[in-house]
Structures are given as structure tokens and as C-alpha cells.
C-alpha atoms as a PDB file:
ATOM      1  CA  UNK A   1     -18.019 -16.043  -7.165  1.00  0.00           C
ATOM      2  CA  UNK A   2     -17.585 -15.928  -3.277  1.00  0.00           C
ATOM      3  CA  UNK A   3     -14.184 -14.186  -2.820  1.00  0.00           C
ATOM      4  CA  UNK A   4     -12.178 -15.609  -0.249  1.00  0.00           C
ATOM      5  CA  UNK A   5     -11.251 -13.709   2.829  1.00  0.00           C
ATOM      6  CA  UNK A   6      -7.735 -14.402   3.352  1.00  0.00           C
ATOM      7  CA  UNK A   7      -7.272 -14.101   0.370  1.00  0.00           C
ATOM      8  CA  UNK A   8      -8.199 -10.706   0.309  1.00  0.00           C
ATOM      9  CA  UNK A   9      -6.117  -9.571   3.524  1.00  0.00           C
ATOM     10  CA  UNK A  10      -3.201 -10.865   2.070  1.00  0.00           C
ATOM     11  CA  UNK A  11      -3.695  -9.187  -1.446  1.00  0.00           C
ATOM     12  CA  UNK A  12      -5.095  -5.535  -0.286  1.00  0.00           C
ATOM     13  CA  UNK A  13      -4.716  -5.435   3.234  1.00  0.00           C
ATOM     14  CA  UNK A  14      -1.700  -2.352   4.036  1.00  0.00           C
ATOM     15  CA  UNK A  15      -0.889  -2.190   0.924  1.00  0.00           C
ATOM     16  CA  UNK A  16      -0.272   0.734  -0.538  1.00  0.00           C
ATOM     17  CA  UNK A  17       1.158   2.667  -3.872  1.00  0.00           C
ATOM     18  CA  UNK A  18       3.651   5.430  -4.673  1.00  0.00           C
ATOM     19  CA  UNK A  19       2.642   7.926  -6.240  1.00  0.00           C
ATOM     20  CA  UNK A  20       5.667   8.729  -7.995  1.00  0.00           C
ATOM     21  CA  UNK A  21       7.057   5.500  -9.055  1.00  0.00           C
ATOM     22  CA  UNK A  22       4.282   3.082  -8.668  1.00  0.00           C
ATOM     23  CA  UNK A  23       5.747   0.648  -6.426  1.00  0.00           C
ATOM     24  CA  UNK A  24       4.129  -1.364  -4.119  1.00  0.00           C
ATOM     25  CA  UNK A  25       5.113  -0.728  -0.421  1.00  0.00           C
ATOM     26  CA  UNK A  26       3.390  -2.643   2.738  1.00  0.00           C
ATOM     27  CA  UNK A  27       3.040  -0.426   5.654  1.00  0.00           C
ATOM     28  CA  UNK A  28       0.943   0.213   8.587  1.00  0.00           C
ATOM     29  CA  UNK A  29      -1.411   3.099   7.641  1.00  0.00           C
ATOM     30  CA  UNK A  30      -1.287   5.121  11.088  1.00  0.00           C
ATOM     31  CA  UNK A  31       2.978   5.209   9.928  1.00  0.00           C
ATOM     32  CA  UNK A  32       1.506   6.389   6.172  1.00  0.00           C
ATOM     33  CA  UNK A  33      -0.670   9.348   7.030  1.00  0.00           C
ATOM     34  CA  UNK A  34       2.159  10.172   9.780  1.00  0.00           C
ATOM     35  CA  UNK A  35       4.481  10.288   6.734  1.00  0.00           C
ATOM     36  CA  UNK A  36       7.066   8.160   8.613  1.00  0.00           C
ATOM     37  CA  UNK A  37       7.163   5.472   5.252  1.00  0.00           C
ATOM     38  CA  UNK A  38       9.310   6.042   2.175  1.00  0.00           C
ATOM     39  CA  UNK A  39       9.570   4.365  -0.706  1.00  0.00           C
ATOM     40  CA  UNK A  40      12.665   2.506  -1.669  1.00  0.00           C
ATOM     41  CA  UNK A  41      12.767   3.136  -4.992  1.00  0.00           C
ATOM     42  CA  UNK A  42      12.505   6.680  -4.984  1.00  0.00           C
ATOM     43  CA  UNK A  43      12.172   8.043  -1.726  1.00  0.00           C
ATOM     44  CA  UNK A  44       8.744  10.084  -1.817  1.00  0.00           C
ATOM     45  CA  UNK A  45       6.847   9.560   1.046  1.00  0.00           C
ATOM     46  CA  UNK A  46       3.541  10.195  -1.104  1.00  0.00           C
ATOM     47  CA  UNK A  47       1.548   6.699  -0.951  1.00  0.00           C
ATOM     48  CA  UNK A  48      -2.027   6.027  -2.118  1.00  0.00           C
ATOM     49  CA  UNK A  49      -4.056   2.711  -1.112  1.00  0.00           C
ATOM     50  CA  UNK A  50      -3.999  -0.096  -3.684  1.00  0.00           C
ATOM     51  CA  UNK A  51      -6.944  -0.182  -5.972  1.00  0.00           C
ATOM     52  CA  UNK A  52      -9.609  -3.700  -5.737  1.00  0.00           C
ATOM     53  CA  UNK A  53      -9.730  -5.276  -9.264  1.00  0.00           C
END
């Protein structure tokens, strides 16, 4: 099964998941590492990358 690169980028590029409430946020990885991005729902700053299926 061939994977379409455009679809992979749209779904997984710069997507992170809040470790507290599991909401998805699209942000620059450098901002995530520096702690400048906070969750819209719970205002936490702990994120993990989105897992690819």
C-alpha cells in the first residue's frame, strides 16, 4: 500500500497531543520544546508527538 506524502504531512506534520486532556494542537516543534505553547482546553504546556497508525 503506497503512502501519499501530502496526506502524511497534512495529518502528522507539526501535530502534538496534550498529555493531560489529549487534545490536538498544531504548532512549531521548537516552540513546543521551549514551552511557549499551551493547550487551549487545560492551559498545560506538556505535549507529545502524535502517534502514526
